[in-house]
């Protein structure tokens, strides 16, 4: 805890002192105090807040990264206690102030046809649990906001878990409790295909025109045991159904605003953001460039087509060194990455629409490939986003809500509803 507070602490005290002198209008005076600092002081201020506040990220795909690299098969664990080439590891997290990244137990939709979804999810949960076992002085599992806070006070990085795709529940309602007992604290109802629970925003089948009859029972069972309902990836009609069925607030663990990506159902329209907020839920903004603007979606689609043609013309594979150099330069020359400011634009939009109590971070680090925006390339860069928000006039109290308080509020209410239902 001491290390978290010491970095840039003098700047933080200076900031607070300025605030306490004649603050008749807190928000405007706080913004004024920040604007009067030089850039180095402002950056230090942002870094200090990143390390003072708990930072929760709704979705980090480290388990998928480790599975792709074969650690699930070898029963080992990637050494994320040291600097790696990925978006997430312990040194980067400490530098950026990240305290509680939800580990995504991602189950590909193929398992819905082939079978084995539950066993696959179990293997990923086992893999995540090996991280704190291997590095107990750096990581700890966490099943509640209170446990995250306890770990934070000890200087440990918490690893709460969310299951991306409800397919592992299979057709057995008892598996909801089973996965709660295994540490799953949210379930994304489906992923890229309609499943037994509801329809997917990436599918075109509309099997259920929303949530299935079995899915309705699943949501009720999630309420009963204290698992957050995650409506990322599902269709609009499925979101409305979920909000109608649930007795607790819901989250979108890694979605952004459809206002900036018209007609793309994977992001949330204003009507659903309002409905989510009316249920006291939270949308966690996805950092991937494809989620941030139509312009970037179009640019990246053209890039994929051009690079495919380049490989064909030169008879190169996707991992050929000549191709990789060309692809990297193509991305630079054609500006296919969004800017950190666009992430803040999405946060602004939610705040202007429904208030600051209903937005959080849901980066999708290690899950969106090379599409991360300039200034937010890995988990060390959260201070850059906090700096951007401070520049836009957000107060430390508002930023604290975005960093963790909003998510904790929903999570605690889900726990309370579960307690009420069980009793």
Protein backbone atom coordinates (compact mmCIF):
# COMPACT_ATOMS: atom_id res chain seq x y z
CA UNK A 1 0.00 0.00 0.00
CA UNK A 2 2.88 2.33 0.90
CA UNK A 3 4.43 1.88 -2.54
CA UNK A 4 1.08 2.62 -4.19
CA UNK A 5 0.76 5.95 -2.40
CA UNK A 6 4.33 7.15 -2.54
CA UNK A 7 4.62 7.62 -6.29
CA UNK A 8 3.86 11.23 -7.08
CA UNK A 9 2.33 11.68 -3.63
CA UNK A 10 3.70 15.19 -3.14
CA UNK A 11 1.94 16.28 -6.33
CA UNK A 12 -1.27 14.74 -5.04
CA UNK A 13 -0.99 16.65 -1.73
CA UNK A 14 -0.37 19.86 -3.65
CA UNK A 15 -3.46 19.20 -5.73
CA UNK A 16 -5.63 18.54 -2.68
CA UNK A 17 -4.29 21.65 -0.94
CA UNK A 18 -5.28 23.78 -3.91
CA UNK A 19 -8.73 22.22 -3.84
CA UNK A 20 -9.27 23.01 -0.18
CA UNK A 21 -8.67 26.71 -0.59
CA UNK A 22 -12.02 28.40 -1.21
CA UNK A 23 -13.80 25.63 -3.12
CA UNK A 24 -17.30 27.01 -3.58
CA UNK A 25 -17.77 25.03 -6.85
CA UNK A 26 -15.73 21.81 -6.49
CA UNK A 27 -15.84 20.56 -10.07
CA UNK A 28 -14.79 23.83 -11.71
CA UNK A 29 -12.15 24.61 -9.09
CA UNK A 30 -10.65 21.13 -9.36
CA UNK A 31 -10.41 21.53 -13.12
CA UNK A 32 -8.87 24.94 -12.65
CA UNK A 33 -6.28 23.60 -10.20
CA UNK A 34 -5.28 20.86 -12.63
CA UNK A 35 -5.05 23.29 -15.54
CA UNK A 36 -2.67 25.51 -13.56
CA UNK A 37 -0.12 22.69 -13.22
CA UNK A 38 2.59 22.18 -15.82
CA UNK A 39 2.43 18.99 -17.90
CA UNK A 40 4.92 17.10 -15.74
CA UNK A 41 2.87 17.88 -12.63
CA UNK A 42 -0.31 16.87 -14.46
CA UNK A 43 1.22 13.57 -15.56
CA UNK A 44 2.44 12.92 -12.02
CA UNK A 45 -1.03 13.68 -10.75
CA UNK A 46 -2.58 11.15 -13.14
CA UNK A 47 0.00 8.54 -12.17
CA UNK A 48 -0.62 9.21 -8.48
CA UNK A 49 -4.36 8.67 -8.88
CA UNK A 50 -3.75 5.47 -10.85
CA UNK A 51 -1.80 4.12 -7.90
CA UNK A 52 -4.00 5.58 -5.18
CA UNK A 53 -7.26 4.15 -6.52
CA UNK A 54 -8.01 0.48 -7.09
CA UNK A 55 -8.25 -0.10 -10.85
CA UNK A 56 -10.60 -2.86 -11.99
CA UNK A 57 -10.58 -3.96 -15.63
CA UNK A 58 -13.69 -5.85 -16.70
CA UNK A 59 -11.98 -8.06 -19.27
CA UNK A 60 -8.37 -9.22 -19.80
CA UNK A 61 -7.67 -12.24 -22.03
CA UNK A 62 -4.52 -13.60 -20.39
CA UNK A 63 -6.03 -17.13 -20.08
CA UNK A 64 -6.66 -17.22 -23.84
CA UNK A 65 -3.10 -16.01 -24.46
CA UNK A 66 -1.71 -18.77 -22.23
CA UNK A 67 -3.96 -21.39 -23.83
CA UNK A 68 -2.75 -20.43 -27.31
CA UNK A 69 0.85 -20.77 -26.11
CA UNK A 70 0.14 -24.27 -24.81
CA UNK A 71 0.31 -23.74 -21.06
CA UNK A 72 -3.06 -25.42 -20.60
CA UNK A 73 -1.68 -28.62 -22.12
CA UNK A 74 1.61 -28.60 -20.21
CA UNK A 75 -0.11 -27.81 -16.87
CA UNK A 76 2.41 -25.01 -16.41
CA UNK A 77 1.98 -21.25 -16.22
CA UNK A 78 3.43 -18.41 -18.26
CA UNK A 79 5.85 -16.38 -16.15
CA UNK A 80 3.82 -13.19 -15.96
CA UNK A 81 5.75 -12.12 -12.85
CA UNK A 82 8.29 -10.59 -15.24
CA UNK A 83 8.07 -8.36 -18.32
CA UNK A 84 6.53 -10.18 -21.30
CA UNK A 85 5.65 -9.33 -24.90
CA UNK A 86 1.94 -9.45 -24.07
CA UNK A 87 -0.40 -6.65 -23.01
CA UNK A 88 -0.57 -7.94 -19.43
CA UNK A 89 2.04 -8.93 -16.85
CA UNK A 90 2.97 -8.02 -13.28
CA UNK A 91 5.57 -5.27 -14.00
CA UNK A 92 3.28 -3.54 -16.50
CA UNK A 93 0.35 -3.79 -14.07
CA UNK A 94 2.36 -2.23 -11.26
CA UNK A 95 3.55 0.55 -13.52
CA UNK A 96 -0.01 1.30 -14.68
CA UNK A 97 -1.75 0.86 -11.32
CA UNK A 98 -3.90 -2.11 -12.42
CA UNK A 99 -5.13 -4.04 -9.38
CA UNK A 100 -7.97 -6.34 -10.43
CA UNK A 101 -8.13 -7.52 -14.05
CA UNK A 102 -11.02 -9.92 -14.59
CA UNK A 103 -9.42 -13.00 -16.12
CA UNK A 104 -11.56 -14.02 -19.08
CA UNK A 105 -12.38 -17.73 -19.12
CA UNK A 106 -13.06 -17.59 -22.84
CA UNK A 107 -14.76 -20.64 -24.33
CA UNK A 108 -14.89 -20.57 -28.17
CA UNK A 109 -18.27 -21.21 -29.73
CA UNK A 110 -16.95 -24.32 -31.50
CA UNK A 111 -17.36 -26.19 -28.22
CA UNK A 112 -21.11 -25.72 -28.51
CA UNK A 113 -21.07 -28.14 -31.45
CA UNK A 114 -18.20 -30.44 -30.56
CA UNK A 115 -18.96 -30.74 -26.84
CA UNK A 116 -16.48 -30.39 -24.00
CA UNK A 117 -17.23 -26.74 -23.15
CA UNK A 118 -17.39 -27.40 -19.41
CA UNK A 119 -14.12 -29.34 -19.38
CA UNK A 120 -12.42 -26.61 -21.40
CA UNK A 121 -13.62 -23.92 -18.99
CA UNK A 122 -12.40 -25.99 -16.04
CA UNK A 123 -8.95 -26.29 -17.60
CA UNK A 124 -8.70 -22.50 -18.02
CA UNK A 125 -9.83 -21.92 -14.43
CA UNK A 126 -7.16 -24.38 -13.30
CA UNK A 127 -4.59 -22.50 -15.37
CA UNK A 128 -5.49 -19.15 -13.80
CA UNK A 129 -5.34 -20.64 -10.30
CA UNK A 130 -1.76 -21.76 -10.99
CA UNK A 131 -0.61 -18.12 -11.30
CA UNK A 132 -0.96 -17.13 -7.60
CA UNK A 133 0.23 -20.62 -6.64
CA UNK A 134 3.43 -19.99 -8.63
CA UNK A 135 3.85 -16.34 -7.56
CA UNK A 136 2.14 -15.94 -4.15
CA UNK A 137 4.03 -12.75 -3.36
CA UNK A 138 2.57 -11.03 -6.43
CA UNK A 139 -0.86 -12.49 -7.27
CA UNK A 140 -3.94 -13.69 -5.42
CA UNK A 141 -7.34 -15.01 -6.45
CA UNK A 142 -10.32 -12.78 -5.55
CA UNK A 143 -14.00 -13.68 -5.35
CA UNK A 144 -15.43 -10.41 -4.00
CA UNK A 145 -14.78 -6.67 -3.77
CA UNK A 146 -13.69 -7.16 -0.15
CA UNK A 147 -11.05 -9.68 -1.19
CA UNK A 148 -9.77 -7.31 -3.87
CA UNK A 149 -9.42 -4.57 -1.28
CA UNK A 150 -7.60 -6.93 1.11
CA UNK A 151 -5.21 -7.94 -1.67
CA UNK A 152 -4.72 -4.28 -2.61
CA UNK A 153 -3.70 -3.46 0.98
CA UNK A 154 -1.18 -6.32 0.84
CA UNK A 155 0.25 -5.12 -2.47
CA UNK A 156 -1.06 -8.19 -4.34
CA UNK A 157 -2.59 -8.20 -7.81
CA UNK A 158 -6.08 -9.74 -7.70
CA UNK A 159 -7.29 -12.20 -10.33
CA UNK A 160 -11.10 -12.33 -10.28
CA UNK A 161 -12.61 -14.46 -13.04
CA UNK A 162 -15.44 -14.01 -15.54
CA UNK A 163 -16.55 -16.70 -18.00
CA UNK A 164 -16.89 -15.47 -21.57
CA UNK A 165 -19.67 -17.63 -23.03
CA UNK A 166 -22.29 -19.50 -21.05
CA UNK A 167 -21.82 -22.64 -23.17
CA UNK A 168 -20.02 -24.50 -20.32
CA UNK A 169 -23.28 -24.49 -18.35
CA UNK A 170 -24.38 -26.93 -21.07
CA UNK A 171 -27.95 -28.07 -20.38
CA UNK A 172 -27.53 -28.51 -16.62
CA UNK A 173 -28.77 -25.63 -14.46
CA UNK A 174 -26.69 -26.99 -11.56
CA UNK A 175 -23.56 -25.94 -13.42
CA UNK A 176 -24.32 -22.30 -12.56
CA UNK A 177 -23.62 -23.05 -8.89
CA UNK A 178 -20.73 -25.29 -9.93
CA UNK A 179 -18.96 -22.41 -11.69
CA UNK A 180 -19.74 -20.03 -8.82
CA UNK A 181 -17.96 -22.47 -6.51
CA UNK A 182 -15.04 -22.50 -8.95
CA UNK A 183 -14.70 -18.72 -8.64
CA UNK A 184 -16.60 -17.40 -11.67
CA UNK A 185 -18.15 -14.04 -10.78
CA UNK A 186 -19.66 -13.02 -14.11
CA UNK A 187 -20.86 -14.97 -17.12
CA UNK A 188 -21.05 -13.46 -20.61
CA UNK A 189 -24.24 -15.16 -21.75
CA UNK A 190 -22.88 -16.12 -25.18
CA UNK A 191 -20.02 -15.28 -27.54
CA UNK A 192 -19.90 -15.36 -31.35
CA UNK A 193 -22.77 -17.78 -31.98
CA UNK A 194 -26.26 -18.27 -30.58
CA UNK A 195 -26.09 -20.81 -27.77
CA UNK A 196 -28.50 -22.56 -25.43
CA UNK A 197 -28.95 -19.35 -23.40
CA UNK A 198 -29.46 -16.52 -25.92
CA UNK A 199 -28.61 -15.00 -29.30
CA UNK A 200 -25.22 -13.52 -30.23
CA UNK A 201 -24.68 -10.10 -31.80
CA UNK A 202 -22.15 -11.72 -34.17
CA UNK A 203 -24.67 -14.32 -35.40
CA UNK A 204 -27.49 -13.78 -37.89
CA UNK A 205 -29.70 -16.71 -36.91
CA UNK A 206 -31.71 -15.13 -34.07
CA UNK A 207 -32.50 -18.59 -32.75
CA UNK A 208 -34.43 -17.32 -29.73
CA UNK A 209 -35.14 -13.70 -30.68
CA UNK A 210 -33.51 -12.87 -27.34
CA UNK A 211 -33.06 -15.13 -24.31
CA UNK A 212 -34.19 -18.77 -24.47
CA UNK A 213 -36.51 -20.37 -21.88
CA UNK A 214 -33.48 -22.20 -20.45
CA UNK A 215 -31.53 -18.92 -20.50
CA UNK A 216 -34.23 -17.32 -18.37
CA UNK A 217 -33.65 -20.02 -15.75
CA UNK A 218 -29.89 -19.52 -16.03
CA UNK A 219 -30.19 -15.78 -15.33
CA UNK A 220 -32.41 -16.46 -12.31
CA UNK A 221 -29.88 -19.01 -11.04
CA UNK A 222 -27.04 -16.51 -11.55
CA UNK A 223 -29.01 -14.04 -9.42
CA UNK A 224 -29.46 -16.70 -6.77
CA UNK A 225 -25.78 -17.49 -6.37
CA UNK A 226 -24.26 -14.05 -6.95
CA UNK A 227 -22.87 -14.21 -10.50
CA UNK A 228 -23.05 -10.97 -12.46
CA UNK A 229 -24.98 -11.16 -15.75
CA UNK A 230 -22.73 -9.89 -18.56
CA UNK A 231 -24.55 -8.70 -21.67
CA UNK A 232 -21.50 -8.06 -23.88
CA UNK A 233 -21.71 -10.03 -27.15
CA UNK A 234 -25.50 -10.56 -27.07
CA UNK A 235 -28.20 -9.13 -29.34
CA UNK A 236 -30.26 -6.08 -28.41
CA UNK A 237 -33.35 -8.22 -27.84
CA UNK A 238 -31.34 -10.52 -25.56
CA UNK A 239 -30.20 -7.51 -23.51
CA UNK A 240 -33.78 -6.32 -23.07
CA UNK A 241 -34.82 -9.83 -22.06
CA UNK A 242 -31.96 -10.12 -19.58
CA UNK A 243 -32.84 -6.76 -18.02
CA UNK A 244 -36.46 -7.87 -17.71
CA UNK A 245 -35.56 -11.19 -16.09
CA UNK A 246 -32.77 -10.22 -13.70
CA UNK A 247 -33.39 -9.06 -10.15
CA UNK A 248 -29.88 -7.58 -9.90
CA UNK A 249 -27.92 -5.01 -11.93
CA UNK A 250 -26.04 -6.30 -14.97
CA UNK A 251 -22.73 -5.37 -16.59
CA UNK A 252 -21.30 -5.12 -20.07
CA UNK A 253 -17.78 -6.34 -19.31
CA UNK A 254 -16.13 -5.12 -22.55
CA UNK A 255 -18.41 -3.13 -24.85
CA UNK A 256 -18.37 0.39 -26.26
CA UNK A 257 -20.95 2.85 -27.63
CA UNK A 258 -22.75 2.18 -30.91
CA UNK A 259 -23.05 5.91 -31.51
CA UNK A 260 -19.47 5.76 -32.84
CA UNK A 261 -19.94 2.50 -34.79
CA UNK A 262 -23.44 2.76 -36.35
CA UNK A 263 -25.24 -0.50 -37.19
CA UNK A 264 -22.61 -2.64 -35.40
CA UNK A 265 -24.68 -4.62 -32.89
CA UNK A 266 -21.67 -5.71 -30.83
CA UNK A 267 -21.56 -2.18 -29.31
CA UNK A 268 -24.40 -0.77 -27.20
CA UNK A 269 -26.91 1.79 -28.53
CA UNK A 270 -28.10 4.68 -26.38
CA UNK A 271 -31.41 2.95 -25.66
CA UNK A 272 -29.63 -0.02 -24.09
CA UNK A 273 -27.13 2.13 -22.20
CA UNK A 274 -30.10 3.96 -20.67
CA UNK A 275 -31.86 0.69 -19.86
CA UNK A 276 -28.65 -0.66 -18.30
CA UNK A 277 -28.34 2.46 -16.16
CA UNK A 278 -31.98 2.30 -15.08
CA UNK A 279 -31.14 -1.14 -13.70
CA UNK A 280 -28.08 0.48 -11.99
CA UNK A 281 -25.61 -1.41 -14.21
CA UNK A 282 -22.23 -0.50 -15.69
CA UNK A 283 -20.80 -0.55 -19.22
CA UNK A 284 -17.04 -1.20 -19.29
CA UNK A 285 -15.54 0.50 -22.33
CA UNK A 286 -13.57 -1.73 -24.72
CA UNK A 287 -10.22 -0.23 -25.83
CA UNK A 288 -9.96 -2.08 -29.17
CA UNK A 289 -9.81 0.30 -32.14
CA UNK A 290 -12.51 -1.66 -33.97
CA UNK A 291 -14.87 -0.83 -31.08
CA UNK A 292 -14.09 2.87 -31.16
CA UNK A 293 -15.00 4.26 -34.58
CA UNK A 294 -16.48 3.39 -37.97
CA UNK A 295 -13.53 5.12 -39.64
CA UNK A 296 -11.07 2.75 -38.01
CA UNK A 297 -13.27 -0.28 -38.74
CA UNK A 298 -13.17 0.64 -42.44
CA UNK A 299 -9.42 1.34 -42.40
CA UNK A 300 -8.64 -1.96 -40.72
CA UNK A 301 -10.89 -3.90 -43.11
CA UNK A 302 -9.01 -2.36 -46.04
CA UNK A 303 -5.72 -3.23 -44.32
CA UNK A 304 -6.76 -6.89 -44.02
CA UNK A 305 -7.67 -7.02 -47.70
CA UNK A 306 -4.47 -5.26 -48.81
CA UNK A 307 -2.24 -7.46 -46.65
CA UNK A 308 -3.94 -10.63 -47.90
CA UNK A 309 -3.29 -9.50 -51.47
CA UNK A 310 0.34 -8.64 -50.64
CA UNK A 311 0.99 -12.11 -49.22
CA UNK A 312 -0.58 -13.74 -52.26
CA UNK A 313 1.37 -11.62 -54.74
CA UNK A 314 4.69 -12.34 -53.01
CA UNK A 315 3.94 -15.92 -51.99
CA UNK A 316 4.50 -15.16 -48.30
CA UNK A 317 3.04 -16.73 -45.17
CA UNK A 318 1.50 -14.70 -42.33
CA UNK A 319 4.55 -15.31 -40.14
CA UNK A 320 7.18 -14.57 -42.80
CA UNK A 321 9.62 -11.90 -41.57
CA UNK A 322 9.39 -9.91 -44.81
CA UNK A 323 5.60 -9.82 -44.52
CA UNK A 324 5.67 -8.86 -40.82
CA UNK A 325 7.93 -5.86 -41.55
CA UNK A 326 5.64 -4.77 -44.39
CA UNK A 327 2.49 -5.19 -42.29
CA UNK A 328 3.92 -3.17 -39.42
CA UNK A 329 4.88 -0.32 -41.73
CA UNK A 330 1.50 -0.48 -43.49
CA UNK A 331 -0.29 0.04 -40.17
CA UNK A 332 1.90 3.06 -39.39
CA UNK A 333 1.56 4.63 -42.84
CA UNK A 334 -2.22 4.17 -43.04
CA UNK A 335 -3.10 5.23 -39.48
CA UNK A 336 -5.25 2.20 -38.63
CA UNK A 337 -5.18 2.78 -34.87
CA UNK A 338 -7.54 4.97 -32.91
CA UNK A 339 -6.27 7.47 -30.34
CA UNK A 340 -6.66 7.37 -26.58
CA UNK A 341 -8.93 10.40 -26.90
CA UNK A 342 -11.57 8.28 -28.64
CA UNK A 343 -11.74 5.97 -25.60
CA UNK A 344 -12.38 9.07 -23.51
CA UNK A 345 -15.03 10.12 -26.04
CA UNK A 346 -16.90 6.89 -25.31
CA UNK A 347 -16.63 7.50 -21.57
CA UNK A 348 -17.87 11.08 -22.12
CA UNK A 349 -20.82 9.80 -24.11
CA UNK A 350 -21.94 7.41 -21.36
CA UNK A 351 -21.49 10.10 -18.70
CA UNK A 352 -23.44 12.67 -20.69
CA UNK A 353 -26.17 10.13 -21.40
CA UNK A 354 -26.69 8.47 -17.98
CA UNK A 355 -24.11 9.87 -15.54
CA UNK A 356 -20.69 8.92 -14.23
CA UNK A 357 -22.03 6.07 -12.07
CA UNK A 358 -22.49 3.72 -15.03
CA UNK A 359 -19.12 3.46 -16.80
CA UNK A 360 -15.87 1.58 -16.22
CA UNK A 361 -12.84 0.10 -17.98
CA UNK A 362 -13.13 -3.13 -20.01
CA UNK A 363 -9.97 -3.03 -22.11
CA UNK A 364 -9.97 -6.49 -23.76
CA UNK A 365 -6.17 -6.52 -23.40
CA UNK A 366 -4.60 -9.63 -24.95
CA UNK A 367 -7.91 -10.18 -26.75
CA UNK A 368 -8.02 -7.56 -29.50
CA UNK A 369 -4.65 -8.23 -31.11
CA UNK A 370 -2.80 -5.26 -32.54
CA UNK A 371 -5.87 -2.99 -32.62
CA UNK A 372 -5.22 -1.15 -29.35
CA UNK A 373 -5.25 2.65 -29.64
CA UNK A 374 -2.26 4.94 -29.49
CA UNK A 375 -1.47 5.68 -25.86
CA UNK A 376 -3.18 2.54 -24.50
CA UNK A 377 -1.07 -0.30 -25.86
CA UNK A 378 -0.82 -2.32 -22.63
CA UNK A 379 -1.79 -2.33 -18.94
CA UNK A 380 1.02 0.07 -18.02
CA UNK A 381 -0.85 2.91 -19.71
CA UNK A 382 -3.93 3.48 -17.51
CA UNK A 383 -2.34 6.73 -16.20
CA UNK A 384 -2.53 8.07 -19.77
CA UNK A 385 -6.31 7.57 -19.78
CA UNK A 386 -6.66 9.10 -16.32
CA UNK A 387 -4.62 12.09 -17.55
CA UNK A 388 -6.98 12.43 -20.52
CA UNK A 389 -10.00 12.39 -18.19
CA UNK A 390 -8.42 14.98 -15.88
CA UNK A 391 -7.77 17.19 -18.89
CA UNK A 392 -11.47 16.94 -19.75
CA UNK A 393 -12.47 18.18 -16.30
CA UNK A 394 -13.22 14.92 -14.49
CA UNK A 395 -12.67 15.18 -10.74
CA UNK A 396 -10.63 12.64 -8.75
CA UNK A 397 -13.89 11.45 -7.17
CA UNK A 398 -15.45 10.81 -10.58
CA UNK A 399 -12.33 9.01 -11.78
CA UNK A 400 -12.38 6.83 -8.67
CA UNK A 401 -15.91 5.75 -9.60
CA UNK A 402 -14.80 4.84 -13.11
CA UNK A 403 -11.71 2.98 -11.85
CA UNK A 404 -13.54 0.65 -9.46
CA UNK A 405 -16.38 2.07 -7.39
CA UNK A 406 -19.05 1.63 -10.05
CA UNK A 407 -18.09 -2.02 -10.59
CA UNK A 408 -17.89 -2.67 -6.87
CA UNK A 409 -21.37 -1.17 -6.40
CA UNK A 410 -22.89 -3.55 -8.94
CA UNK A 411 -20.96 -6.54 -7.64
CA UNK A 412 -22.00 -5.88 -4.03
CA UNK A 413 -25.63 -5.45 -5.04
CA UNK A 414 -25.46 -8.78 -6.89
CA UNK A 415 -24.16 -10.34 -3.68
CA UNK A 416 -26.99 -8.76 -1.69
CA UNK A 417 -29.64 -10.05 -4.11
CA UNK A 418 -28.14 -13.52 -3.90
CA UNK A 419 -28.30 -13.41 -0.12
CA UNK A 420 -31.93 -12.28 -0.26
CA UNK A 421 -32.89 -15.02 -2.71
CA UNK A 422 -31.12 -17.75 -0.79
CA UNK A 423 -32.82 -16.76 2.46
